[in-house]
């Protein structure tokens, strides 16, 4: 929490998930498309979809795969992702209202298992959907979380730890608060883009002093 508070004071609210048109479906679609892809390319793919009127889960299902593939081409792996997107759209239409409702820990785990059973949905994607689209209290682990955990939070082996184990460690140390989870993940992304790079931390960045204090 000390690191979170310092990052929040330094960067301010990140207000994730970045979403131009609003609505839960756009977040679900973005979470599927962003796998192995820079966000700027996801934005291009989403812009293509909306410009073509493919702006809902129903519209995605009604679009022939070849046309859908062409629209999401900027996001890469467009043949696989078009199928994943249609699978996610069908699931979303069936479960949208249910998943957005508050639930017990056991129900949240069940929902997570159901998402993980979908083609093309891994742990990070499932948790991003649950947290950002449906507002459920679950912490997202990604490469940035691992990097900061290893370098600055003294979590031994964070870079290679099992996803569920590292997630449990973060969630045990943080309040069960959807706002904290969503902001913290976004702040870690911003920190890594700013200074905590893959090849090392930039000594010129003022954020490093915040990390030392944390």
C-alpha atoms as a PDB file:
ATOM      1  CA  UNK A   1       0.000   0.000   0.000  1.00  0.00           C
ATOM      2  CA  UNK A   2       2.915   2.361   0.648  1.00  0.00           C
ATOM      3  CA  UNK A   3       4.025   1.990  -2.957  1.00  0.00           C
ATOM      4  CA  UNK A   4       0.468   2.379  -4.226  1.00  0.00           C
ATOM      5  CA  UNK A   5      -0.038   5.584  -2.247  1.00  0.00           C
ATOM      6  CA  UNK A   6       3.201   7.109  -3.509  1.00  0.00           C
ATOM      7  CA  UNK A   7       2.489   6.182  -7.114  1.00  0.00           C
ATOM      8  CA  UNK A   8      -1.037   7.540  -6.838  1.00  0.00           C
ATOM      9  CA  UNK A   9       0.253  10.809  -5.359  1.00  0.00           C
ATOM     10  CA  UNK A  10       2.849  11.058  -8.138  1.00  0.00           C
ATOM     11  CA  UNK A  11       0.776  10.085 -11.190  1.00  0.00           C
ATOM     12  CA  UNK A  12      -2.766  10.755 -10.039  1.00  0.00           C
ATOM     13  CA  UNK A  13      -5.818   8.637 -10.952  1.00  0.00           C
ATOM     14  CA  UNK A  14      -5.377   6.655 -14.157  1.00  0.00           C
ATOM     15  CA  UNK A  15      -9.109   5.992 -14.635  1.00  0.00           C
ATOM     16  CA  UNK A  16      -8.607   2.680 -16.398  1.00  0.00           C
ATOM     17  CA  UNK A  17      -9.843   0.832 -18.494  1.00  0.00           C
ATOM     18  CA  UNK A  18      -9.171   3.249 -21.389  1.00  0.00           C
ATOM     19  CA  UNK A  19     -12.485   3.258 -23.237  1.00  0.00           C
ATOM     20  CA  UNK A  20     -13.620   5.663 -25.955  1.00  0.00           C
ATOM     21  CA  UNK A  21     -17.203   4.599 -26.414  1.00  0.00           C
ATOM     22  CA  UNK A  22     -18.014   3.384 -22.924  1.00  0.00           C
ATOM     23  CA  UNK A  23     -19.828   0.225 -21.971  1.00  0.00           C
ATOM     24  CA  UNK A  24     -18.752  -3.144 -20.701  1.00  0.00           C
ATOM     25  CA  UNK A  25     -18.598  -4.844 -24.076  1.00  0.00           C
ATOM     26  CA  UNK A  26     -15.868  -2.518 -25.343  1.00  0.00           C
ATOM     27  CA  UNK A  27     -13.733  -3.457 -22.326  1.00  0.00           C
ATOM     28  CA  UNK A  28     -14.287  -7.167 -22.932  1.00  0.00           C
ATOM     29  CA  UNK A  29     -13.395  -6.766 -26.609  1.00  0.00           C
ATOM     30  CA  UNK A  30     -10.304  -4.734 -25.743  1.00  0.00           C
ATOM     31  CA  UNK A  31      -9.143  -7.338 -23.225  1.00  0.00           C
ATOM     32  CA  UNK A  32      -9.368 -10.053 -25.885  1.00  0.00           C
ATOM     33  CA  UNK A  33      -7.664  -7.976 -28.572  1.00  0.00           C
ATOM     34  CA  UNK A  34      -4.808  -6.660 -26.436  1.00  0.00           C
ATOM     35  CA  UNK A  35      -3.173 -10.073 -25.999  1.00  0.00           C
ATOM     36  CA  UNK A  36       0.360  -9.934 -27.457  1.00  0.00           C
ATOM     37  CA  UNK A  37      -0.429  -6.510 -28.861  1.00  0.00           C
ATOM     38  CA  UNK A  38       0.403  -2.874 -28.088  1.00  0.00           C
ATOM     39  CA  UNK A  39      -2.629  -0.904 -26.920  1.00  0.00           C
ATOM     40  CA  UNK A  40      -2.305   1.651 -29.741  1.00  0.00           C
ATOM     41  CA  UNK A  41      -2.969  -1.174 -32.207  1.00  0.00           C
ATOM     42  CA  UNK A  42      -5.961  -2.338 -30.184  1.00  0.00           C
ATOM     43  CA  UNK A  43      -7.349   1.192 -30.393  1.00  0.00           C
ATOM     44  CA  UNK A  44      -6.996   1.060 -34.181  1.00  0.00           C
ATOM     45  CA  UNK A  45      -8.858  -2.256 -34.301  1.00  0.00           C
ATOM     46  CA  UNK A  46     -11.622  -0.962 -32.027  1.00  0.00           C
ATOM     47  CA  UNK A  47     -11.912   2.201 -34.118  1.00  0.00           C
ATOM     48  CA  UNK A  48     -12.322   0.018 -37.231  1.00  0.00           C
ATOM     49  CA  UNK A  49     -15.071  -1.978 -35.538  1.00  0.00           C
ATOM     50  CA  UNK A  50     -17.000   1.080 -34.421  1.00  0.00           C
ATOM     51  CA  UNK A  51     -16.599   2.856 -37.761  1.00  0.00           C
ATOM     52  CA  UNK A  52     -18.111  -0.225 -39.426  1.00  0.00           C
ATOM     53  CA  UNK A  53     -21.005  -0.308 -36.980  1.00  0.00           C
ATOM     54  CA  UNK A  54     -19.707  -3.440 -35.248  1.00  0.00           C
ATOM     55  CA  UNK A  55     -20.177  -1.781 -31.886  1.00  0.00           C
ATOM     56  CA  UNK A  56     -21.832  -4.473 -29.796  1.00  0.00           C
ATOM     57  CA  UNK A  57     -21.568  -8.150 -28.980  1.00  0.00           C
ATOM     58  CA  UNK A  58     -24.604  -8.799 -31.197  1.00  0.00           C
ATOM     59  CA  UNK A  59     -22.929  -7.017 -34.092  1.00  0.00           C
ATOM     60  CA  UNK A  60     -19.734  -9.025 -33.651  1.00  0.00           C
ATOM     61  CA  UNK A  61     -21.703 -12.273 -33.876  1.00  0.00           C
ATOM     62  CA  UNK A  62     -23.557 -11.035 -36.939  1.00  0.00           C
ATOM     63  CA  UNK A  63     -20.341 -10.141 -38.805  1.00  0.00           C
ATOM     64  CA  UNK A  64     -18.866 -12.859 -41.045  1.00  0.00           C
ATOM     65  CA  UNK A  65     -15.449 -13.991 -39.876  1.00  0.00           C
ATOM     66  CA  UNK A  66     -13.545 -12.749 -42.961  1.00  0.00           C
ATOM     67  CA  UNK A  67     -14.964  -9.250 -42.515  1.00  0.00           C
ATOM     68  CA  UNK A  68     -14.316  -9.327 -38.772  1.00  0.00           C
ATOM     69  CA  UNK A  69     -10.740 -10.431 -39.376  1.00  0.00           C
ATOM     70  CA  UNK A  70     -10.116  -7.504 -41.672  1.00  0.00           C
ATOM     71  CA  UNK A  71     -11.507  -5.029 -39.155  1.00  0.00           C
ATOM     72  CA  UNK A  72      -9.326  -6.245 -36.275  1.00  0.00           C
ATOM     73  CA  UNK A  73      -6.215  -6.821 -38.392  1.00  0.00           C
ATOM     74  CA  UNK A  74      -4.236  -4.028 -36.603  1.00  0.00           C
ATOM     75  CA  UNK A  75      -4.413  -6.043 -33.359  1.00  0.00           C
ATOM     76  CA  UNK A  76      -2.452  -8.929 -34.902  1.00  0.00           C
ATOM     77  CA  UNK A  77      -3.250 -12.658 -34.868  1.00  0.00           C
ATOM     78  CA  UNK A  78      -6.514 -11.546 -36.456  1.00  0.00           C
ATOM     79  CA  UNK A  79      -7.638 -15.009 -37.547  1.00  0.00           C
ATOM     80  CA  UNK A  80      -7.461 -16.436 -34.035  1.00  0.00           C
ATOM     81  CA  UNK A  81      -8.689 -13.272 -32.355  1.00  0.00           C
ATOM     82  CA  UNK A  82     -11.745 -13.006 -34.589  1.00  0.00           C
ATOM     83  CA  UNK A  83     -12.866 -16.439 -33.365  1.00  0.00           C
ATOM     84  CA  UNK A  84     -11.997 -15.543 -29.767  1.00  0.00           C
ATOM     85  CA  UNK A  85     -13.967 -12.322 -30.080  1.00  0.00           C
ATOM     86  CA  UNK A  86     -17.085 -14.104 -31.317  1.00  0.00           C
ATOM     87  CA  UNK A  87     -16.807 -16.661 -28.511  1.00  0.00           C
ATOM     88  CA  UNK A  88     -16.478 -13.843 -25.984  1.00  0.00           C
ATOM     89  CA  UNK A  89     -19.439 -12.029 -27.556  1.00  0.00           C
ATOM     90  CA  UNK A  90     -21.716 -15.052 -27.203  1.00  0.00           C
ATOM     91  CA  UNK A  91     -20.615 -15.518 -23.602  1.00  0.00           C
ATOM     92  CA  UNK A  92     -21.097 -11.831 -22.838  1.00  0.00           C
ATOM     93  CA  UNK A  93     -24.647 -11.814 -24.154  1.00  0.00           C
ATOM     94  CA  UNK A  94     -25.518 -14.743 -21.919  1.00  0.00           C
ATOM     95  CA  UNK A  95     -23.785 -13.563 -18.727  1.00  0.00           C
ATOM     96  CA  UNK A  96     -23.510  -9.761 -18.834  1.00  0.00           C
ATOM     97  CA  UNK A  97     -26.041  -8.857 -16.144  1.00  0.00           C
ATOM     98  CA  UNK A  98     -25.102 -11.788 -13.937  1.00  0.00           C
ATOM     99  CA  UNK A  99     -21.386 -10.998 -13.990  1.00  0.00           C
ATOM    100  CA  UNK A 100     -21.909  -7.307 -13.227  1.00  0.00           C
ATOM    101  CA  UNK A 101     -23.798  -8.120 -10.020  1.00  0.00           C
ATOM    102  CA  UNK A 102     -22.013  -8.354  -6.651  1.00  0.00           C
ATOM    103  CA  UNK A 103     -21.135 -11.905  -5.686  1.00  0.00           C
ATOM    104  CA  UNK A 104     -19.494 -14.066  -3.053  1.00  0.00           C
ATOM    105  CA  UNK A 105     -15.872 -15.156  -3.229  1.00  0.00           C
ATOM    106  CA  UNK A 106     -17.011 -18.626  -4.284  1.00  0.00           C
ATOM    107  CA  UNK A 107     -19.145 -17.202  -7.097  1.00  0.00           C
ATOM    108  CA  UNK A 108     -16.284 -15.004  -8.250  1.00  0.00           C
ATOM    109  CA  UNK A 109     -14.043 -18.046  -8.505  1.00  0.00           C
ATOM    110  CA  UNK A 110     -16.736 -19.858 -10.474  1.00  0.00           C
ATOM    111  CA  UNK A 111     -17.094 -16.934 -12.873  1.00  0.00           C
ATOM    112  CA  UNK A 112     -13.337 -16.851 -13.334  1.00  0.00           C
ATOM    113  CA  UNK A 113     -13.295 -20.579 -14.164  1.00  0.00           C
ATOM    114  CA  UNK A 114     -16.073 -20.038 -16.705  1.00  0.00           C
ATOM    115  CA  UNK A 115     -14.110 -17.270 -18.411  1.00  0.00           C
ATOM    116  CA  UNK A 116     -10.939 -19.358 -18.437  1.00  0.00           C
ATOM    117  CA  UNK A 117     -12.854 -22.116 -20.217  1.00  0.00           C
ATOM    118  CA  UNK A 118     -13.385 -19.814 -23.214  1.00  0.00           C
ATOM    119  CA  UNK A 119     -11.099 -20.105 -26.219  1.00  0.00           C
ATOM    120  CA  UNK A 120      -8.341 -17.528 -26.132  1.00  0.00           C
ATOM    121  CA  UNK A 121      -8.954 -16.355 -22.559  1.00  0.00           C
ATOM    122  CA  UNK A 122      -6.034 -16.750 -20.170  1.00  0.00           C
ATOM    123  CA  UNK A 123      -5.682 -15.652 -16.566  1.00  0.00           C
ATOM    124  CA  UNK A 124      -4.691 -12.050 -17.236  1.00  0.00           C
ATOM    125  CA  UNK A 125      -7.490 -11.603 -19.770  1.00  0.00           C
ATOM    126  CA  UNK A 126     -10.095 -13.204 -17.493  1.00  0.00           C
ATOM    127  CA  UNK A 127      -9.093 -11.066 -14.534  1.00  0.00           C
ATOM    128  CA  UNK A 128      -9.017  -7.889 -16.643  1.00  0.00           C
ATOM    129  CA  UNK A 129     -12.565  -8.630 -17.791  1.00  0.00           C
ATOM    130  CA  UNK A 130     -13.766  -9.346 -14.264  1.00  0.00           C
ATOM    131  CA  UNK A 131     -12.130  -6.254 -12.772  1.00  0.00           C
ATOM    132  CA  UNK A 132     -12.576  -3.616 -15.460  1.00  0.00           C
ATOM    133  CA  UNK A 133     -15.698  -4.724 -17.309  1.00  0.00           C
ATOM    134  CA  UNK A 134     -17.700  -6.164 -14.419  1.00  0.00           C
ATOM    135  CA  UNK A 135     -16.235  -4.334 -11.415  1.00  0.00           C
ATOM    136  CA  UNK A 136     -15.324  -7.465  -9.483  1.00  0.00           C
ATOM    137  CA  UNK A 137     -12.569  -7.323  -6.817  1.00  0.00           C
ATOM    138  CA  UNK A 138      -9.736  -9.305  -8.374  1.00  0.00           C
ATOM    139  CA  UNK A 139      -6.155  -8.160  -8.931  1.00  0.00           C
ATOM    140  CA  UNK A 140      -4.617  -8.426 -12.405  1.00  0.00           C
ATOM    141  CA  UNK A 141      -1.104  -9.821 -12.749  1.00  0.00           C
ATOM    142  CA  UNK A 142       0.963  -8.968 -15.809  1.00  0.00           C
ATOM    143  CA  UNK A 143       4.602  -8.588 -16.801  1.00  0.00           C
ATOM    144  CA  UNK A 144       4.723  -5.121 -15.233  1.00  0.00           C
ATOM    145  CA  UNK A 145       3.435  -6.410 -11.893  1.00  0.00           C
ATOM    146  CA  UNK A 146       6.084  -9.104 -11.919  1.00  0.00           C
ATOM    147  CA  UNK A 147       8.836  -6.625 -12.776  1.00  0.00           C
ATOM    148  CA  UNK A 148       7.978  -4.173 -10.009  1.00  0.00           C
ATOM    149  CA  UNK A 149       7.341  -6.977  -7.539  1.00  0.00           C
ATOM    150  CA  UNK A 150      10.785  -8.448  -8.151  1.00  0.00           C
ATOM    151  CA  UNK A 151      12.735  -5.190  -8.278  1.00  0.00           C
ATOM    152  CA  UNK A 152      11.022  -2.933  -5.792  1.00  0.00           C
ATOM    153  CA  UNK A 153       8.683  -4.896  -3.518  1.00  0.00           C
ATOM    154  CA  UNK A 154      11.263  -7.584  -2.683  1.00  0.00           C
ATOM    155  CA  UNK A 155       8.962 -10.417  -3.739  1.00  0.00           C
ATOM    156  CA  UNK A 156      11.522 -13.135  -4.376  1.00  0.00           C
ATOM    157  CA  UNK A 157      10.953 -14.931  -7.658  1.00  0.00           C
ATOM    158  CA  UNK A 158       8.056 -12.685  -8.677  1.00  0.00           C
ATOM    159  CA  UNK A 159       9.199 -12.755 -12.300  1.00  0.00           C
ATOM    160  CA  UNK A 160       8.603 -16.505 -12.515  1.00  0.00           C
ATOM    161  CA  UNK A 161       6.061 -17.140  -9.751  1.00  0.00           C
ATOM    162  CA  UNK A 162       2.810 -18.924 -10.576  1.00  0.00           C
ATOM    163  CA  UNK A 163       0.155 -16.392 -11.562  1.00  0.00           C
ATOM    164  CA  UNK A 164      -2.277 -17.438  -8.814  1.00  0.00           C
ATOM    165  CA  UNK A 165       0.426 -17.356  -6.136  1.00  0.00           C
ATOM    166  CA  UNK A 166       1.569 -13.838  -6.963  1.00  0.00           C
ATOM    167  CA  UNK A 167      -2.017 -12.662  -7.260  1.00  0.00           C
ATOM    168  CA  UNK A 168      -2.808 -14.100  -3.829  1.00  0.00           C
ATOM    169  CA  UNK A 169       0.188 -12.300  -2.353  1.00  0.00           C
ATOM    170  CA  UNK A 170      -0.956  -8.930  -3.692  1.00  0.00           C
ATOM    171  CA  UNK A 171      -4.562  -9.457  -2.671  1.00  0.00           C
ATOM    172  CA  UNK A 172      -3.574 -10.509   0.844  1.00  0.00           C
ATOM    173  CA  UNK A 173      -1.566  -7.293   1.261  1.00  0.00           C
ATOM    174  CA  UNK A 174      -4.209  -4.924  -0.138  1.00  0.00           C
ATOM    175  CA  UNK A 175      -7.716  -3.992   0.974  1.00  0.00           C
ATOM    176  CA  UNK A 176     -10.462  -5.781  -0.924  1.00  0.00           C
ATOM    177  CA  UNK A 177     -11.265  -2.714  -2.975  1.00  0.00           C
ATOM    178  CA  UNK A 178     -12.026  -2.728  -6.688  1.00  0.00           C
ATOM    179  CA  UNK A 179     -10.907   0.881  -7.035  1.00  0.00           C
ATOM    180  CA  UNK A 180      -7.525   0.135  -5.449  1.00  0.00           C
ATOM    181  CA  UNK A 181      -7.030  -2.939  -7.629  1.00  0.00           C
ATOM    182  CA  UNK A 182      -7.892  -1.129 -10.852  1.00  0.00           C
ATOM    183  CA  UNK A 183      -5.815   1.969 -10.081  1.00  0.00           C
ATOM    184  CA  UNK A 184      -2.845  -0.014  -8.779  1.00  0.00           C
ATOM    185  CA  UNK A 185      -2.597  -2.128 -11.915  1.00  0.00           C
ATOM    186  CA  UNK A 186      -2.808   0.992 -14.105  1.00  0.00           C
ATOM    187  CA  UNK A 187      -0.208   2.799 -11.980  1.00  0.00           C
ATOM    188  CA  UNK A 188       2.230  -0.108 -12.317  1.00  0.00           C
ATOM    189  CA  UNK A 189       1.792   0.007 -16.084  1.00  0.00           C
ATOM    190  CA  UNK A 190       2.526   3.731 -16.053  1.00  0.00           C
ATOM    191  CA  UNK A 191       5.575   3.279 -13.825  1.00  0.00           C
ATOM    192  CA  UNK A 192       7.043   0.661 -16.137  1.00  0.00           C
ATOM    193  CA  UNK A 193       6.413   2.778 -19.216  1.00  0.00           C
ATOM    194  CA  UNK A 194       8.020   5.725 -17.434  1.00  0.00           C
ATOM    195  CA  UNK A 195      11.128   4.232 -15.864  1.00  0.00           C
ATOM    196  CA  UNK A 196      10.994   0.599 -14.798  1.00  0.00           C
ATOM    197  CA  UNK A 197      11.877  -0.736 -18.218  1.00  0.00           C
ATOM    198  CA  UNK A 198      12.476  -4.330 -19.250  1.00  0.00           C
ATOM    199  CA  UNK A 199      16.243  -3.802 -19.437  1.00  0.00           C
ATOM    200  CA  UNK A 200      16.470  -1.856 -16.192  1.00  0.00           C
ATOM    201  CA  UNK A 201      15.216   1.164 -14.295  1.00  0.00           C
ATOM    202  CA  UNK A 202      16.112   4.588 -15.645  1.00  0.00           C
ATOM    203  CA  UNK A 203      18.162   6.448 -13.063  1.00  0.00           C
ATOM    204  CA  UNK A 204      16.941   9.781 -14.399  1.00  0.00           C
ATOM    205  CA  UNK A 205      13.347   9.180 -13.394  1.00  0.00           C
ATOM    206  CA  UNK A 206      12.054  10.963 -10.305  1.00  0.00           C
ATOM    207  CA  UNK A 207       9.813   7.980  -9.618  1.00  0.00           C
ATOM    208  CA  UNK A 208      12.808   5.997  -8.365  1.00  0.00           C
ATOM    209  CA  UNK A 209      12.987   8.187  -5.292  1.00  0.00           C
ATOM    210  CA  UNK A 210       9.364   7.329  -4.573  1.00  0.00           C
ATOM    211  CA  UNK A 211      10.227   3.648  -4.825  1.00  0.00           C
ATOM    212  CA  UNK A 212      13.164   3.990  -2.450  1.00  0.00           C
ATOM    213  CA  UNK A 213      10.911   5.634   0.113  1.00  0.00           C
ATOM    214  CA  UNK A 214       8.320   2.906  -0.298  1.00  0.00           C
END
